[in-house]
Amino acid sequence: MARGRTVEIRAGAHGHYFASAEINGRPIDVLVDSGASIVALTYDDAQRAGVYVRDGDYTQRVSTANGLARVAPVVLDRVSIGDITVRNVPAAVTERGAWRRRCSACRSWAGCSASTCAPARWSCRSDASAGG
């Protein structure tokens, strides 16, 4: 009988779960959302993971908290967190520049970080609604 393995991810200071994952063997920092229905990668993270998409690959629409967005469906060879690896993982790649990070502490869309704005808290918003 096979025994299940467990990786414990502790919540950060603001209740979010961050982990260092390997996607297709390349390190990518991720936000773990236990309620998500699919693995979503930014365009830049997909490239870091060796996943390359073209404009014609954006064939599906998804509903997000910020409205509808186009995504490119892909299959990741493998996703690993700790010693747990899952193969052939369905995923979606967002359009280049589709998501920007905004610090909810200082409300900046720019390069705020935990070292310059403590405590840094991030939220995502589509460029279409990012006015400044």
N, C-alpha and C. Protein backbone atom coordinates (compact mmCIF):
# COMPACT_ATOMS: atom_id res chain seq x y z
N MET A 1 0.85 -1.17 0.00
CA MET A 1 0.00 0.00 0.00
C MET A 1 0.90 1.24 0.00
N ALA A 2 0.62 2.16 -0.89
CA ALA A 2 1.40 3.40 -0.97
C ALA A 2 0.99 4.36 0.13
N ARG A 3 1.98 5.01 0.72
CA ARG A 3 1.69 5.99 1.76
C ARG A 3 1.76 7.38 1.16
N GLY A 4 0.86 8.24 1.56
CA GLY A 4 0.87 9.61 1.08
C GLY A 4 1.99 10.41 1.74
N ARG A 5 2.48 11.39 1.03
CA ARG A 5 3.49 12.28 1.57
C ARG A 5 2.85 13.62 1.84
N THR A 6 3.46 14.37 2.73
CA THR A 6 2.92 15.67 3.12
C THR A 6 4.02 16.71 3.08
N VAL A 7 3.67 17.87 2.56
CA VAL A 7 4.53 19.05 2.65
C VAL A 7 3.73 20.10 3.39
N GLU A 8 4.28 20.62 4.45
CA GLU A 8 3.59 21.64 5.23
C GLU A 8 4.05 23.02 4.77
N ILE A 9 3.10 23.87 4.44
CA ILE A 9 3.39 25.25 4.05
C ILE A 9 2.71 26.14 5.06
N ARG A 10 3.48 26.87 5.80
CA ARG A 10 2.92 27.75 6.82
C ARG A 10 2.47 29.07 6.19
N ALA A 11 1.38 29.59 6.73
CA ALA A 11 0.87 30.87 6.26
C ALA A 11 1.86 31.97 6.62
N GLY A 12 2.01 32.92 5.70
CA GLY A 12 2.83 34.08 5.97
C GLY A 12 2.13 35.02 6.94
N ALA A 13 2.76 36.15 7.20
CA ALA A 13 2.24 37.10 8.18
C ALA A 13 0.83 37.59 7.85
N HIS A 14 0.45 37.58 6.58
CA HIS A 14 -0.85 38.10 6.18
C HIS A 14 -1.81 37.02 5.72
N GLY A 15 -1.47 35.76 6.08
CA GLY A 15 -2.37 34.66 5.80
C GLY A 15 -2.22 34.02 4.43
N HIS A 16 -1.26 34.46 3.63
CA HIS A 16 -1.04 33.86 2.31
C HIS A 16 -0.01 32.74 2.42
N TYR A 17 -0.12 31.77 1.55
CA TYR A 17 0.78 30.63 1.55
C TYR A 17 1.72 30.73 0.36
N PHE A 18 2.99 30.99 0.62
CA PHE A 18 4.00 31.09 -0.41
C PHE A 18 4.92 29.88 -0.31
N ALA A 19 5.40 29.42 -1.47
CA ALA A 19 6.31 28.28 -1.49
C ALA A 19 7.28 28.44 -2.64
N SER A 20 8.41 27.79 -2.50
CA SER A 20 9.35 27.67 -3.61
C SER A 20 9.03 26.35 -4.29
N ALA A 21 8.65 26.44 -5.55
CA ALA A 21 8.30 25.25 -6.32
C ALA A 21 9.33 25.05 -7.42
N GLU A 22 9.32 23.87 -7.98
CA GLU A 22 10.05 23.63 -9.22
C GLU A 22 9.01 23.29 -10.26
N ILE A 23 9.02 24.06 -11.33
CA ILE A 23 8.11 23.81 -12.44
C ILE A 23 8.98 23.44 -13.64
N ASN A 24 8.78 22.25 -14.14
CA ASN A 24 9.62 21.70 -15.21
C ASN A 24 11.10 21.76 -14.82
N GLY A 25 11.38 21.56 -13.53
CA GLY A 25 12.75 21.52 -13.07
C GLY A 25 13.40 22.86 -12.81
N ARG A 26 12.63 23.95 -12.93
CA ARG A 26 13.19 25.29 -12.71
C ARG A 26 12.51 25.92 -11.50
N PRO A 27 13.29 26.63 -10.67
CA PRO A 27 12.71 27.21 -9.45
C PRO A 27 11.80 28.40 -9.74
N ILE A 28 10.60 28.37 -9.18
CA ILE A 28 9.62 29.45 -9.34
C ILE A 28 8.97 29.65 -7.97
N ASP A 29 8.95 30.88 -7.47
CA ASP A 29 8.22 31.18 -6.24
C ASP A 29 6.74 31.28 -6.57
N VAL A 30 5.90 30.63 -5.77
CA VAL A 30 4.47 30.57 -6.06
C VAL A 30 3.64 30.95 -4.85
N LEU A 31 2.44 31.41 -5.12
CA LEU A 31 1.41 31.61 -4.11
C LEU A 31 0.50 30.39 -4.21
N VAL A 32 0.33 29.68 -3.12
CA VAL A 32 -0.49 28.46 -3.12
C VAL A 32 -1.90 28.85 -2.72
N ASP A 33 -2.85 28.59 -3.60
CA ASP A 33 -4.26 28.88 -3.36
C ASP A 33 -5.01 27.56 -3.37
N SER A 34 -5.38 27.08 -2.21
CA SER A 34 -6.02 25.76 -2.12
C SER A 34 -7.39 25.74 -2.79
N GLY A 35 -7.96 26.90 -3.07
CA GLY A 35 -9.26 26.94 -3.73
C GLY A 35 -9.17 27.13 -5.23
N ALA A 36 -7.97 27.21 -5.77
CA ALA A 36 -7.81 27.43 -7.22
C ALA A 36 -8.20 26.17 -7.98
N SER A 37 -8.74 26.38 -9.17
CA SER A 37 -9.17 25.24 -9.98
C SER A 37 -8.12 24.87 -11.03
N ILE A 38 -7.06 25.66 -11.16
CA ILE A 38 -6.02 25.39 -12.15
C ILE A 38 -4.73 26.07 -11.71
N VAL A 39 -3.60 25.57 -12.19
CA VAL A 39 -2.33 26.24 -11.97
C VAL A 39 -2.25 27.38 -12.98
N ALA A 40 -2.04 28.58 -12.49
CA ALA A 40 -1.92 29.74 -13.36
C ALA A 40 -0.50 30.30 -13.25
N LEU A 41 0.10 30.56 -14.40
CA LEU A 41 1.44 31.13 -14.46
C LEU A 41 1.40 32.46 -15.17
N THR A 42 2.16 33.42 -14.67
CA THR A 42 2.33 34.64 -15.45
C THR A 42 3.14 34.29 -16.69
N TYR A 43 3.09 35.15 -17.67
CA TYR A 43 3.86 34.97 -18.89
C TYR A 43 5.34 34.82 -18.55
N ASP A 44 5.85 35.68 -17.66
CA ASP A 44 7.27 35.66 -17.30
C ASP A 44 7.64 34.39 -16.55
N ASP A 45 6.80 33.95 -15.60
CA ASP A 45 7.08 32.71 -14.89
C ASP A 45 7.05 31.51 -15.83
N ALA A 46 6.12 31.52 -16.79
CA ALA A 46 6.06 30.43 -17.77
C ALA A 46 7.37 30.35 -18.56
N GLN A 47 7.88 31.50 -18.99
CA GLN A 47 9.14 31.49 -19.72
C GLN A 47 10.28 30.97 -18.85
N ARG A 48 10.30 31.39 -17.57
CA ARG A 48 11.33 30.88 -16.65
C ARG A 48 11.25 29.37 -16.52
N ALA A 49 10.04 28.82 -16.64
CA ALA A 49 9.83 27.38 -16.53
C ALA A 49 10.01 26.66 -17.87
N GLY A 50 10.41 27.41 -18.91
CA GLY A 50 10.62 26.79 -20.21
C GLY A 50 9.36 26.56 -21.01
N VAL A 51 8.29 27.27 -20.66
CA VAL A 51 7.01 27.17 -21.37
C VAL A 51 6.85 28.42 -22.20
N TYR A 52 6.80 28.25 -23.52
CA TYR A 52 6.73 29.39 -24.43
C TYR A 52 5.41 29.35 -25.18
N VAL A 53 4.69 30.45 -25.15
CA VAL A 53 3.39 30.53 -25.84
C VAL A 53 3.42 31.69 -26.82
N ARG A 54 2.59 31.57 -27.85
CA ARG A 54 2.43 32.62 -28.86
C ARG A 54 1.04 33.21 -28.73
N ASP A 55 0.81 34.34 -29.38
CA ASP A 55 -0.48 35.02 -29.28
C ASP A 55 -1.63 34.09 -29.66
N GLY A 56 -1.43 33.25 -30.67
CA GLY A 56 -2.48 32.34 -31.10
C GLY A 56 -2.81 31.24 -30.10
N ASP A 57 -1.96 31.07 -29.09
CA ASP A 57 -2.19 30.04 -28.07
C ASP A 57 -3.22 30.47 -27.03
N TYR A 58 -3.55 31.76 -26.98
CA TYR A 58 -4.51 32.27 -25.98
C TYR A 58 -5.93 32.01 -26.48
N THR A 59 -6.37 30.78 -26.27
CA THR A 59 -7.64 30.33 -26.85
C THR A 59 -8.78 30.23 -25.84
N GLN A 60 -8.49 30.44 -24.57
CA GLN A 60 -9.55 30.32 -23.56
C GLN A 60 -9.67 31.59 -22.75
N ARG A 61 -10.88 31.79 -22.22
CA ARG A 61 -11.13 32.93 -21.34
C ARG A 61 -11.43 32.39 -19.95
N VAL A 62 -10.97 33.12 -18.95
CA VAL A 62 -11.26 32.75 -17.57
C VAL A 62 -11.85 33.96 -16.86
N SER A 63 -12.67 33.68 -15.87
CA SER A 63 -13.26 34.74 -15.07
C SER A 63 -12.43 34.91 -13.82
N THR A 64 -11.94 36.12 -13.58
CA THR A 64 -11.13 36.41 -12.40
C THR A 64 -11.83 37.47 -11.56
N ALA A 65 -11.26 37.77 -10.44
CA ALA A 65 -11.81 38.84 -9.60
C ALA A 65 -11.77 40.18 -10.31
N ASN A 66 -10.92 40.29 -11.33
CA ASN A 66 -10.79 41.53 -12.09
C ASN A 66 -11.50 41.49 -13.43
N GLY A 67 -12.32 40.48 -13.66
CA GLY A 67 -13.04 40.38 -14.92
C GLY A 67 -12.51 39.24 -15.76
N LEU A 68 -12.84 39.26 -17.06
CA LEU A 68 -12.42 38.20 -17.97
C LEU A 68 -10.98 38.41 -18.42
N ALA A 69 -10.26 37.31 -18.61
CA ALA A 69 -8.89 37.36 -19.10
C ALA A 69 -8.68 36.22 -20.09
N ARG A 70 -7.78 36.44 -21.06
CA ARG A 70 -7.41 35.37 -21.99
C ARG A 70 -6.22 34.60 -21.42
N VAL A 71 -6.27 33.29 -21.56
CA VAL A 71 -5.16 32.45 -21.11
C VAL A 71 -4.83 31.43 -22.20
N ALA A 72 -3.59 30.96 -22.14
CA ALA A 72 -3.14 29.90 -23.03
C ALA A 72 -3.08 28.59 -22.23
N PRO A 73 -3.92 27.61 -22.56
CA PRO A 73 -3.85 26.34 -21.85
C PRO A 73 -2.57 25.60 -22.21
N VAL A 74 -1.91 25.04 -21.20
CA VAL A 74 -0.68 24.27 -21.39
C VAL A 74 -0.71 23.07 -20.45
N VAL A 75 0.21 22.15 -20.64
CA VAL A 75 0.41 21.05 -19.71
C VAL A 75 1.86 21.12 -19.25
N LEU A 76 2.06 21.23 -17.94
CA LEU A 76 3.40 21.28 -17.37
C LEU A 76 3.91 19.86 -17.18
N ASP A 77 5.16 19.62 -17.55
CA ASP A 77 5.74 18.28 -17.40
C ASP A 77 5.69 17.84 -15.95
N ARG A 78 6.12 18.73 -15.04
CA ARG A 78 6.08 18.38 -13.62
C ARG A 78 6.10 19.63 -12.76
N VAL A 79 5.44 19.52 -11.61
CA VAL A 79 5.42 20.56 -10.60
C VAL A 79 5.81 19.89 -9.28
N SER A 80 6.82 20.47 -8.61
CA SER A 80 7.28 19.90 -7.34
C SER A 80 7.30 20.96 -6.26
N ILE A 81 6.82 20.59 -5.10
CA ILE A 81 6.98 21.39 -3.89
C ILE A 81 7.47 20.42 -2.83
N GLY A 82 8.64 20.72 -2.28
CA GLY A 82 9.26 19.78 -1.36
C GLY A 82 9.55 18.49 -2.09
N ASP A 83 9.24 17.36 -1.47
CA ASP A 83 9.51 16.07 -2.12
C ASP A 83 8.28 15.49 -2.81
N ILE A 84 7.28 16.33 -3.05
CA ILE A 84 6.08 15.88 -3.77
C ILE A 84 6.14 16.42 -5.19
N THR A 85 5.99 15.53 -6.16
CA THR A 85 6.02 15.89 -7.58
C THR A 85 4.76 15.38 -8.25
N VAL A 86 4.14 16.24 -9.03
CA VAL A 86 2.97 15.86 -9.82
C VAL A 86 3.35 16.07 -11.28
N ARG A 87 3.02 15.10 -12.12
CA ARG A 87 3.38 15.16 -13.55
C ARG A 87 2.15 15.44 -14.41
N ASN A 88 2.42 15.99 -15.59
CA ASN A 88 1.37 16.28 -16.57
C ASN A 88 0.26 17.13 -15.96
N VAL A 89 0.65 18.30 -15.49
CA VAL A 89 -0.26 19.18 -14.75
C VAL A 89 -0.91 20.19 -15.70
N PRO A 90 -2.25 20.17 -15.83
CA PRO A 90 -2.92 21.19 -16.64
C PRO A 90 -2.69 22.57 -16.01
N ALA A 91 -2.42 23.56 -16.86
CA ALA A 91 -2.15 24.91 -16.37
C ALA A 91 -2.59 25.92 -17.41
N ALA A 92 -2.50 27.19 -17.04
CA ALA A 92 -2.84 28.28 -17.96
C ALA A 92 -1.79 29.37 -17.80
N VAL A 93 -1.43 29.98 -18.92
CA VAL A 93 -0.47 31.08 -18.92
C VAL A 93 -1.23 32.37 -19.22
N THR A 94 -1.04 33.37 -18.36
CA THR A 94 -1.70 34.66 -18.59
C THR A 94 -0.95 35.44 -19.67
N GLU A 95 -1.62 36.39 -20.25
CA GLU A 95 -0.98 37.22 -21.28
C GLU A 95 0.14 38.05 -20.67
N ARG A 96 1.12 38.37 -21.48
CA ARG A 96 2.26 39.17 -21.02
C ARG A 96 1.76 40.50 -20.46
N GLY A 97 2.18 40.82 -19.24
CA GLY A 97 1.79 42.07 -18.62
C GLY A 97 0.37 42.10 -18.10
N ALA A 98 -0.30 40.94 -18.10
CA ALA A 98 -1.70 40.93 -17.68
C ALA A 98 -1.89 41.17 -16.20
N TRP A 99 -0.89 40.87 -15.40
CA TRP A 99 -1.01 41.03 -13.95
C TRP A 99 0.14 41.86 -13.43
N ARG A 100 -0.19 42.81 -12.62
CA ARG A 100 0.81 43.63 -11.95
C ARG A 100 0.59 43.50 -10.46
N ARG A 101 1.65 43.70 -9.70
CA ARG A 101 1.53 43.60 -8.25
C ARG A 101 1.39 45.00 -7.67
N ARG A 102 0.55 45.10 -6.66
CA ARG A 102 0.34 46.37 -5.99
C ARG A 102 0.46 46.15 -4.48
N CYS A 103 1.26 46.96 -3.86
CA CYS A 103 1.44 46.84 -2.42
C CYS A 103 0.23 47.47 -1.74
N SER A 104 -0.44 46.68 -0.91
CA SER A 104 -1.61 47.23 -0.24
C SER A 104 -1.24 48.08 0.97
N ALA A 105 0.04 48.06 1.36
CA ALA A 105 0.48 48.91 2.48
C ALA A 105 0.70 50.34 2.00
N CYS A 106 1.40 50.50 0.87
CA CYS A 106 1.69 51.87 0.40
C CYS A 106 0.92 52.21 -0.87
N ARG A 107 0.18 51.23 -1.44
CA ARG A 107 -0.66 51.38 -2.63
C ARG A 107 0.15 51.63 -3.90
N SER A 108 1.45 51.34 -3.89
CA SER A 108 2.31 51.57 -5.04
C SER A 108 2.21 50.42 -6.03
N TRP A 109 2.22 50.74 -7.33
CA TRP A 109 2.30 49.73 -8.38
C TRP A 109 3.75 49.50 -8.75
N ALA A 110 4.65 50.29 -8.21
CA ALA A 110 6.06 50.22 -8.60
C ALA A 110 6.80 49.18 -7.79
N GLY A 111 8.12 49.29 -7.74
CA GLY A 111 8.98 48.27 -7.18
C GLY A 111 9.07 48.28 -5.67
N CYS A 112 7.99 48.36 -4.97
CA CYS A 112 7.97 48.27 -3.52
C CYS A 112 8.33 46.85 -3.12
N SER A 113 9.02 46.70 -2.03
CA SER A 113 9.35 45.36 -1.54
C SER A 113 9.30 45.36 -0.02
N ALA A 114 9.42 44.19 0.54
CA ALA A 114 9.36 44.09 2.00
C ALA A 114 10.46 44.91 2.65
N SER A 115 11.58 45.06 1.97
CA SER A 115 12.68 45.81 2.58
C SER A 115 12.42 47.31 2.55
N THR A 116 11.60 47.79 1.62
CA THR A 116 11.35 49.23 1.53
C THR A 116 9.99 49.62 2.07
N CYS A 117 9.09 48.67 2.21
CA CYS A 117 7.75 48.97 2.69
C CYS A 117 7.31 47.84 3.60
N ALA A 118 7.52 47.99 4.86
CA ALA A 118 7.17 46.91 5.79
C ALA A 118 5.88 47.26 6.51
N PRO A 119 4.90 46.42 6.62
CA PRO A 119 4.90 45.12 5.97
C PRO A 119 4.36 45.23 4.55
N ALA A 120 5.04 44.64 3.60
CA ALA A 120 4.56 44.67 2.21
C ALA A 120 3.45 43.63 2.05
N ARG A 121 2.35 44.04 1.48
CA ARG A 121 1.24 43.14 1.22
C ARG A 121 0.87 43.36 -0.24
N TRP A 122 0.76 42.28 -0.99
CA TRP A 122 0.54 42.40 -2.43
C TRP A 122 -0.85 41.93 -2.83
N SER A 123 -1.40 42.61 -3.81
CA SER A 123 -2.61 42.14 -4.44
C SER A 123 -2.39 42.25 -5.94
N CYS A 124 -3.16 41.51 -6.70
CA CYS A 124 -2.98 41.54 -8.15
C CYS A 124 -4.16 42.21 -8.81
N ARG A 125 -3.90 42.82 -9.93
CA ARG A 125 -4.95 43.50 -10.68
C ARG A 125 -4.54 43.48 -12.14
N SER A 126 -5.49 43.37 -13.03
CA SER A 126 -5.17 43.36 -14.44
C SER A 126 -4.74 44.74 -14.90
N ASP A 127 -3.86 44.80 -15.92
CA ASP A 127 -3.41 46.08 -16.44
C ASP A 127 -4.57 46.94 -16.92
N ALA A 128 -5.60 46.28 -17.42
CA ALA A 128 -6.74 47.04 -17.93
C ALA A 128 -7.38 47.92 -16.88
N SER A 129 -7.30 47.48 -15.62
CA SER A 129 -7.93 48.26 -14.56
C SER A 129 -6.90 49.02 -13.72
N ALA A 130 -5.63 48.92 -14.09
CA ALA A 130 -4.57 49.58 -13.32
C ALA A 130 -4.36 50.99 -13.84
N GLY A 131 -4.98 51.90 -13.22
CA GLY A 131 -4.89 53.28 -13.69
C GLY A 131 -3.71 54.03 -13.15
N GLY A 132 -3.11 53.64 -12.06
CA GLY A 132 -1.99 54.41 -11.59
C GLY A 132 -1.77 54.29 -10.20
